């Protein structure tokens, strides 16, 4: 296993479902956003859209949310699900977590370079951080939607470029997120180390630490 304490010089965090955990209220808010997209695509009512989705999703016992969207014909289901996560009105369900706030402060103190790379727009991200009582000033460098995207790798390239003058190599960077597709499979080939958090079931195809909760970073980083 990588010796993070010796190798890592820069640590970046995802925001959504990384700096806060999933909840039933957040899931319902996200699904409400998906129902609107289904209704637009199928040219049907919101009630019919909800019924179509739930017949496939079965309260989490059937297909995943993204798989359910694909089954309904929305080929860009992954992008829509991520869009829902970032743009649904979930901030009212966010509550501060003192352990998370303390952990971020200790990481900043030890590693100095603490950054934020998120698919949320800047205004939305700031609103969420405020509800979580996480001071944006903790993050030295931020990449928001509109700057670059994680899904195509441009956000990670921008992140690396920001530290070129420091002489850091990709292996000196650690990214912490929750989504395998954009938070692991994109940055890993570039050479960036990854840790996934808030993982309910480990994926054997993923060759990085997969932690049940954000607080488990303590053992890795300190």
C-alpha atoms as a PDB file:
ATOM      1  CA  UNK A   1       0.000   0.000   0.000  1.00  0.00           C
ATOM      2  CA  UNK A   2       1.128   3.520  -0.785  1.00  0.00           C
ATOM      3  CA  UNK A   3       2.777   5.362   2.095  1.00  0.00           C
ATOM      4  CA  UNK A   4       0.587   8.454   1.918  1.00  0.00           C
ATOM      5  CA  UNK A   5       2.478  10.284   4.644  1.00  0.00           C
ATOM      6  CA  UNK A   6       5.719  10.139   2.645  1.00  0.00           C
ATOM      7  CA  UNK A   7       4.477  10.439  -0.935  1.00  0.00           C
ATOM      8  CA  UNK A   8       1.431  12.707  -0.966  1.00  0.00           C
ATOM      9  CA  UNK A   9       1.928  16.479  -1.214  1.00  0.00           C
ATOM     10  CA  UNK A  10      -1.513  17.570  -2.442  1.00  0.00           C
ATOM     11  CA  UNK A  11      -4.932  16.260  -1.416  1.00  0.00           C
ATOM     12  CA  UNK A  12      -8.122  17.015  -3.318  1.00  0.00           C
ATOM     13  CA  UNK A  13     -11.703  16.290  -2.260  1.00  0.00           C
ATOM     14  CA  UNK A  14     -14.924  15.749  -4.115  1.00  0.00           C
ATOM     15  CA  UNK A  15     -17.943  17.442  -2.534  1.00  0.00           C
ATOM     16  CA  UNK A  16     -21.185  15.599  -3.231  1.00  0.00           C
ATOM     17  CA  UNK A  17     -21.647  12.417  -1.171  1.00  0.00           C
ATOM     18  CA  UNK A  18     -17.996  12.637  -0.141  1.00  0.00           C
ATOM     19  CA  UNK A  19     -18.002  15.493   2.372  1.00  0.00           C
ATOM     20  CA  UNK A  20     -21.477  14.392   3.442  1.00  0.00           C
ATOM     21  CA  UNK A  21     -23.132  10.968   3.518  1.00  0.00           C
ATOM     22  CA  UNK A  22     -26.159   9.742   1.638  1.00  0.00           C
ATOM     23  CA  UNK A  23     -29.589   9.944   3.269  1.00  0.00           C
ATOM     24  CA  UNK A  24     -33.160   9.005   2.371  1.00  0.00           C
ATOM     25  CA  UNK A  25     -34.109  12.711   2.149  1.00  0.00           C
ATOM     26  CA  UNK A  26     -31.273  13.419  -0.276  1.00  0.00           C
ATOM     27  CA  UNK A  27     -32.187  10.335  -2.322  1.00  0.00           C
ATOM     28  CA  UNK A  28     -35.782  11.543  -2.637  1.00  0.00           C
ATOM     29  CA  UNK A  29     -34.645  15.013  -3.731  1.00  0.00           C
ATOM     30  CA  UNK A  30     -32.376  13.486  -6.374  1.00  0.00           C
ATOM     31  CA  UNK A  31     -35.136  11.168  -7.591  1.00  0.00           C
ATOM     32  CA  UNK A  32     -37.507  14.132  -7.924  1.00  0.00           C
ATOM     33  CA  UNK A  33     -34.998  15.683 -10.314  1.00  0.00           C
ATOM     34  CA  UNK A  34     -34.797  12.412 -12.266  1.00  0.00           C
ATOM     35  CA  UNK A  35     -38.582  12.189 -12.535  1.00  0.00           C
ATOM     36  CA  UNK A  36     -38.619  15.572 -14.273  1.00  0.00           C
ATOM     37  CA  UNK A  37     -36.034  14.370 -16.802  1.00  0.00           C
ATOM     38  CA  UNK A  38     -37.994  11.173 -17.457  1.00  0.00           C
ATOM     39  CA  UNK A  39     -41.225  13.146 -17.895  1.00  0.00           C
ATOM     40  CA  UNK A  40     -39.544  15.430 -20.442  1.00  0.00           C
ATOM     41  CA  UNK A  41     -38.019  12.507 -22.331  1.00  0.00           C
ATOM     42  CA  UNK A  42     -41.181  10.357 -22.334  1.00  0.00           C
ATOM     43  CA  UNK A  43     -43.523  13.329 -22.728  1.00  0.00           C
ATOM     44  CA  UNK A  44     -45.580  12.169 -19.779  1.00  0.00           C
ATOM     45  CA  UNK A  45     -46.719  13.469 -16.379  1.00  0.00           C
ATOM     46  CA  UNK A  46     -44.456  13.531 -13.324  1.00  0.00           C
ATOM     47  CA  UNK A  47     -46.698  10.925 -11.701  1.00  0.00           C
ATOM     48  CA  UNK A  48     -46.262   8.567 -14.668  1.00  0.00           C
ATOM     49  CA  UNK A  49     -42.513   9.241 -14.725  1.00  0.00           C
ATOM     50  CA  UNK A  50     -42.275   8.362 -11.034  1.00  0.00           C
ATOM     51  CA  UNK A  51     -44.232   5.151 -11.606  1.00  0.00           C
ATOM     52  CA  UNK A  52     -42.001   4.119 -14.526  1.00  0.00           C
ATOM     53  CA  UNK A  53     -38.861   4.716 -12.470  1.00  0.00           C
ATOM     54  CA  UNK A  54     -40.077   2.963  -9.336  1.00  0.00           C
ATOM     55  CA  UNK A  55     -41.201  -0.134 -11.258  1.00  0.00           C
ATOM     56  CA  UNK A  56     -37.527  -0.625 -12.162  1.00  0.00           C
ATOM     57  CA  UNK A  57     -35.833   0.794  -9.062  1.00  0.00           C
ATOM     58  CA  UNK A  58     -38.044  -1.007  -6.509  1.00  0.00           C
ATOM     59  CA  UNK A  59     -36.817   1.126  -3.576  1.00  0.00           C
ATOM     60  CA  UNK A  60     -33.226   0.111  -4.209  1.00  0.00           C
ATOM     61  CA  UNK A  61     -33.960  -3.618  -4.515  1.00  0.00           C
ATOM     62  CA  UNK A  62     -34.066  -3.591  -8.316  1.00  0.00           C
ATOM     63  CA  UNK A  63     -31.928  -1.696 -10.803  1.00  0.00           C
ATOM     64  CA  UNK A  64     -29.758   1.213  -9.656  1.00  0.00           C
ATOM     65  CA  UNK A  65     -30.967   4.739 -10.352  1.00  0.00           C
ATOM     66  CA  UNK A  66     -28.678   5.074 -13.375  1.00  0.00           C
ATOM     67  CA  UNK A  67     -29.620   1.613 -14.680  1.00  0.00           C
ATOM     68  CA  UNK A  68     -33.301   2.458 -14.296  1.00  0.00           C
ATOM     69  CA  UNK A  69     -32.834   5.627 -16.343  1.00  0.00           C
ATOM     70  CA  UNK A  70     -30.994   3.703 -19.066  1.00  0.00           C
ATOM     71  CA  UNK A  71     -33.740   1.082 -19.153  1.00  0.00           C
ATOM     72  CA  UNK A  72     -36.210   3.896 -19.808  1.00  0.00           C
ATOM     73  CA  UNK A  73     -34.198   4.943 -22.850  1.00  0.00           C
ATOM     74  CA  UNK A  74     -32.069   7.777 -21.490  1.00  0.00           C
ATOM     75  CA  UNK A  75     -28.640   6.889 -22.890  1.00  0.00           C
ATOM     76  CA  UNK A  76     -26.899   9.700 -20.992  1.00  0.00           C
ATOM     77  CA  UNK A  77     -28.261   8.363 -17.701  1.00  0.00           C
ATOM     78  CA  UNK A  78     -24.926   8.604 -15.863  1.00  0.00           C
ATOM     79  CA  UNK A  79     -24.594  12.282 -16.736  1.00  0.00           C
ATOM     80  CA  UNK A  80     -28.212  12.986 -15.738  1.00  0.00           C
ATOM     81  CA  UNK A  81     -27.763  11.200 -12.396  1.00  0.00           C
ATOM     82  CA  UNK A  82     -24.628  13.227 -11.665  1.00  0.00           C
ATOM     83  CA  UNK A  83     -26.440  16.397 -12.742  1.00  0.00           C
ATOM     84  CA  UNK A  84     -29.253  15.530 -10.331  1.00  0.00           C
ATOM     85  CA  UNK A  85     -26.776  14.993  -7.509  1.00  0.00           C
ATOM     86  CA  UNK A  86     -25.172  18.360  -8.122  1.00  0.00           C
ATOM     87  CA  UNK A  87     -28.254  20.460  -8.886  1.00  0.00           C
ATOM     88  CA  UNK A  88     -31.154  18.983  -6.920  1.00  0.00           C
ATOM     89  CA  UNK A  89     -32.163  21.101  -3.937  1.00  0.00           C
ATOM     90  CA  UNK A  90     -30.439  18.985  -1.333  1.00  0.00           C
ATOM     91  CA  UNK A  91     -28.730  21.712   0.690  1.00  0.00           C
ATOM     92  CA  UNK A  92     -31.683  21.914   3.094  1.00  0.00           C
ATOM     93  CA  UNK A  93     -30.926  18.339   4.172  1.00  0.00           C
ATOM     94  CA  UNK A  94     -27.238  18.957   4.830  1.00  0.00           C
ATOM     95  CA  UNK A  95     -26.092  19.169   8.438  1.00  0.00           C
ATOM     96  CA  UNK A  96     -22.619  19.909   9.815  1.00  0.00           C
ATOM     97  CA  UNK A  97     -20.453  16.977  10.884  1.00  0.00           C
ATOM     98  CA  UNK A  98     -17.892  18.024  13.494  1.00  0.00           C
ATOM     99  CA  UNK A  99     -15.700  14.985  12.796  1.00  0.00           C
ATOM    100  CA  UNK A 100     -15.499  15.905   9.110  1.00  0.00           C
ATOM    101  CA  UNK A 101     -14.731  19.549   9.883  1.00  0.00           C
ATOM    102  CA  UNK A 102     -12.007  18.511  12.319  1.00  0.00           C
ATOM    103  CA  UNK A 103     -10.544  15.969   9.896  1.00  0.00           C
ATOM    104  CA  UNK A 104     -10.282  18.544   7.105  1.00  0.00           C
ATOM    105  CA  UNK A 105      -8.550  20.945   9.465  1.00  0.00           C
ATOM    106  CA  UNK A 106      -5.975  18.320  10.471  1.00  0.00           C
ATOM    107  CA  UNK A 107      -5.351  17.356   6.839  1.00  0.00           C
ATOM    108  CA  UNK A 108      -4.804  21.014   5.946  1.00  0.00           C
ATOM    109  CA  UNK A 109      -2.369  21.433   8.827  1.00  0.00           C
ATOM    110  CA  UNK A 110      -0.334  18.330   7.955  1.00  0.00           C
ATOM    111  CA  UNK A 111      -0.370  18.318   4.135  1.00  0.00           C
ATOM    112  CA  UNK A 112      -0.776  22.093   3.530  1.00  0.00           C
ATOM    113  CA  UNK A 113      -2.193  21.717  -0.001  1.00  0.00           C
ATOM    114  CA  UNK A 114      -5.893  20.914   0.409  1.00  0.00           C
ATOM    115  CA  UNK A 115      -8.115  21.404  -2.653  1.00  0.00           C
ATOM    116  CA  UNK A 116     -11.675  20.894  -3.906  1.00  0.00           C
ATOM    117  CA  UNK A 117     -12.623  19.407  -7.288  1.00  0.00           C
ATOM    118  CA  UNK A 118     -16.378  19.157  -7.760  1.00  0.00           C
ATOM    119  CA  UNK A 119     -18.940  18.856 -10.512  1.00  0.00           C
ATOM    120  CA  UNK A 120     -21.132  21.387  -8.705  1.00  0.00           C
ATOM    121  CA  UNK A 121     -21.143  24.966  -9.919  1.00  0.00           C
ATOM    122  CA  UNK A 122     -19.358  27.482  -7.702  1.00  0.00           C
ATOM    123  CA  UNK A 123     -22.497  29.102  -6.255  1.00  0.00           C
ATOM    124  CA  UNK A 124     -24.118  25.728  -5.532  1.00  0.00           C
ATOM    125  CA  UNK A 125     -20.906  24.361  -4.006  1.00  0.00           C
ATOM    126  CA  UNK A 126     -20.534  27.397  -1.746  1.00  0.00           C
ATOM    127  CA  UNK A 127     -24.137  27.020  -0.612  1.00  0.00           C
ATOM    128  CA  UNK A 128     -23.533  23.368   0.302  1.00  0.00           C
ATOM    129  CA  UNK A 129     -20.260  24.118   2.082  1.00  0.00           C
ATOM    130  CA  UNK A 130     -21.963  26.834   4.096  1.00  0.00           C
ATOM    131  CA  UNK A 131     -24.706  24.419   5.221  1.00  0.00           C
ATOM    132  CA  UNK A 132     -22.015  21.897   6.172  1.00  0.00           C
ATOM    133  CA  UNK A 133     -20.136  24.681   8.016  1.00  0.00           C
ATOM    134  CA  UNK A 134     -16.991  23.886   6.038  1.00  0.00           C
ATOM    135  CA  UNK A 135     -14.989  27.053   5.432  1.00  0.00           C
ATOM    136  CA  UNK A 136     -14.202  27.419   1.739  1.00  0.00           C
ATOM    137  CA  UNK A 137     -10.908  29.060   2.689  1.00  0.00           C
ATOM    138  CA  UNK A 138      -9.672  25.619   3.787  1.00  0.00           C
ATOM    139  CA  UNK A 139      -9.325  24.796   0.082  1.00  0.00           C
ATOM    140  CA  UNK A 140      -6.436  26.496  -1.643  1.00  0.00           C
ATOM    141  CA  UNK A 141      -7.355  25.563  -5.223  1.00  0.00           C
ATOM    142  CA  UNK A 142     -10.869  24.789  -6.430  1.00  0.00           C
ATOM    143  CA  UNK A 143     -12.235  23.388  -9.677  1.00  0.00           C
ATOM    144  CA  UNK A 144     -15.984  23.827 -10.215  1.00  0.00           C
ATOM    145  CA  UNK A 145     -18.333  22.899 -13.017  1.00  0.00           C
ATOM    146  CA  UNK A 146     -17.685  25.495 -15.688  1.00  0.00           C
ATOM    147  CA  UNK A 147     -13.923  25.453 -15.047  1.00  0.00           C
ATOM    148  CA  UNK A 148     -13.343  21.870 -16.211  1.00  0.00           C
ATOM    149  CA  UNK A 149     -14.927  18.438 -15.812  1.00  0.00           C
ATOM    150  CA  UNK A 150     -13.811  15.376 -13.915  1.00  0.00           C
ATOM    151  CA  UNK A 151     -15.584  13.029 -16.327  1.00  0.00           C
ATOM    152  CA  UNK A 152     -13.279  13.877 -19.245  1.00  0.00           C
ATOM    153  CA  UNK A 153     -10.156  14.341 -17.123  1.00  0.00           C
ATOM    154  CA  UNK A 154      -9.774  18.076 -17.724  1.00  0.00           C
ATOM    155  CA  UNK A 155     -10.388  18.912 -14.042  1.00  0.00           C
ATOM    156  CA  UNK A 156      -7.524  16.645 -13.009  1.00  0.00           C
ATOM    157  CA  UNK A 157      -5.252  18.039 -15.700  1.00  0.00           C
ATOM    158  CA  UNK A 158      -6.006  21.562 -14.477  1.00  0.00           C
ATOM    159  CA  UNK A 159      -5.238  20.455 -10.925  1.00  0.00           C
ATOM    160  CA  UNK A 160      -1.853  19.008 -11.878  1.00  0.00           C
ATOM    161  CA  UNK A 161      -1.007  22.053 -13.968  1.00  0.00           C
ATOM    162  CA  UNK A 162      -1.679  24.372 -11.032  1.00  0.00           C
ATOM    163  CA  UNK A 163       1.262  22.788  -9.171  1.00  0.00           C
ATOM    164  CA  UNK A 164       3.722  22.526 -12.060  1.00  0.00           C
ATOM    165  CA  UNK A 165       6.017  25.163 -10.557  1.00  0.00           C
ATOM    166  CA  UNK A 166       6.245  23.116  -7.357  1.00  0.00           C
ATOM    167  CA  UNK A 167       7.730  20.224  -9.327  1.00  0.00           C
ATOM    168  CA  UNK A 168       5.124  17.776  -8.050  1.00  0.00           C
ATOM    169  CA  UNK A 169       4.461  14.591 -10.033  1.00  0.00           C
ATOM    170  CA  UNK A 170       1.030  12.917 -10.410  1.00  0.00           C
ATOM    171  CA  UNK A 171       1.968  10.345  -7.755  1.00  0.00           C
ATOM    172  CA  UNK A 172       2.224  13.219  -5.254  1.00  0.00           C
ATOM    173  CA  UNK A 173      -1.528  13.866  -5.640  1.00  0.00           C
ATOM    174  CA  UNK A 174      -4.351  12.103  -3.786  1.00  0.00           C
ATOM    175  CA  UNK A 175      -8.003  12.493  -4.760  1.00  0.00           C
ATOM    176  CA  UNK A 176     -10.790  11.486  -2.391  1.00  0.00           C
ATOM    177  CA  UNK A 177     -14.242  10.884  -3.835  1.00  0.00           C
ATOM    178  CA  UNK A 178     -17.144   8.445  -3.870  1.00  0.00           C
ATOM    179  CA  UNK A 179     -17.940   7.673  -7.532  1.00  0.00           C
ATOM    180  CA  UNK A 180     -15.866   4.968  -9.235  1.00  0.00           C
ATOM    181  CA  UNK A 181     -16.489   6.283 -12.753  1.00  0.00           C
ATOM    182  CA  UNK A 182     -15.319   9.897 -12.387  1.00  0.00           C
ATOM    183  CA  UNK A 183     -13.367   9.726  -9.124  1.00  0.00           C
ATOM    184  CA  UNK A 184     -11.329   6.554  -9.738  1.00  0.00           C
ATOM    185  CA  UNK A 185     -11.331   5.358 -13.351  1.00  0.00           C
ATOM    186  CA  UNK A 186     -10.479   8.813 -14.739  1.00  0.00           C
ATOM    187  CA  UNK A 187      -7.661  10.022 -12.424  1.00  0.00           C
ATOM    188  CA  UNK A 188      -5.973   6.662 -11.772  1.00  0.00           C
ATOM    189  CA  UNK A 189      -4.563   6.198 -15.314  1.00  0.00           C
ATOM    190  CA  UNK A 190      -3.007   9.671 -15.034  1.00  0.00           C
ATOM    191  CA  UNK A 191      -1.092   8.466 -11.989  1.00  0.00           C
ATOM    192  CA  UNK A 192      -3.125  10.226  -9.299  1.00  0.00           C
ATOM    193  CA  UNK A 193      -3.688   8.164  -6.139  1.00  0.00           C
ATOM    194  CA  UNK A 194      -7.337   7.685  -5.168  1.00  0.00           C
ATOM    195  CA  UNK A 195      -9.314   6.767  -2.070  1.00  0.00           C
ATOM    196  CA  UNK A 196     -13.067   6.154  -2.339  1.00  0.00           C
ATOM    197  CA  UNK A 197     -15.216   6.850   0.717  1.00  0.00           C
ATOM    198  CA  UNK A 198     -18.807   6.195   1.799  1.00  0.00           C
ATOM    199  CA  UNK A 199     -18.599   2.850   0.001  1.00  0.00           C
ATOM    200  CA  UNK A 200     -21.286   0.346   1.002  1.00  0.00           C
ATOM    201  CA  UNK A 201     -19.840  -2.594  -0.950  1.00  0.00           C
ATOM    202  CA  UNK A 202     -16.278  -2.938  -2.230  1.00  0.00           C
ATOM    203  CA  UNK A 203     -15.735  -3.459  -5.959  1.00  0.00           C
ATOM    204  CA  UNK A 204     -12.958  -6.007  -6.678  1.00  0.00           C
ATOM    205  CA  UNK A 205     -12.143  -4.231  -9.965  1.00  0.00           C
ATOM    206  CA  UNK A 206     -11.107  -1.106  -8.072  1.00  0.00           C
ATOM    207  CA  UNK A 207      -7.513  -1.221  -6.855  1.00  0.00           C
ATOM    208  CA  UNK A 208      -7.577   1.588  -4.320  1.00  0.00           C
ATOM    209  CA  UNK A 209      -8.770   1.828  -0.711  1.00  0.00           C
ATOM    210  CA  UNK A 210     -12.567   1.748  -0.485  1.00  0.00           C
ATOM    211  CA  UNK A 211     -13.641   3.075   2.893  1.00  0.00           C
ATOM    212  CA  UNK A 212     -17.030   2.778   4.560  1.00  0.00           C
ATOM    213  CA  UNK A 213     -16.887   6.344   5.860  1.00  0.00           C
ATOM    214  CA  UNK A 214     -14.874   9.514   5.483  1.00  0.00           C
ATOM    215  CA  UNK A 215     -13.530   9.272   9.023  1.00  0.00           C
ATOM    216  CA  UNK A 216     -11.612   6.112   8.080  1.00  0.00           C
ATOM    217  CA  UNK A 217      -9.125   8.393   6.289  1.00  0.00           C
ATOM    218  CA  UNK A 218      -7.624   9.141   9.680  1.00  0.00           C
ATOM    219  CA  UNK A 219      -5.755   5.833   9.758  1.00  0.00           C
ATOM    220  CA  UNK A 220      -4.425   6.233   6.207  1.00  0.00           C
ATOM    221  CA  UNK A 221      -3.259   9.828   6.378  1.00  0.00           C
ATOM    222  CA  UNK A 222      -1.934  10.237   9.919  1.00  0.00           C
END
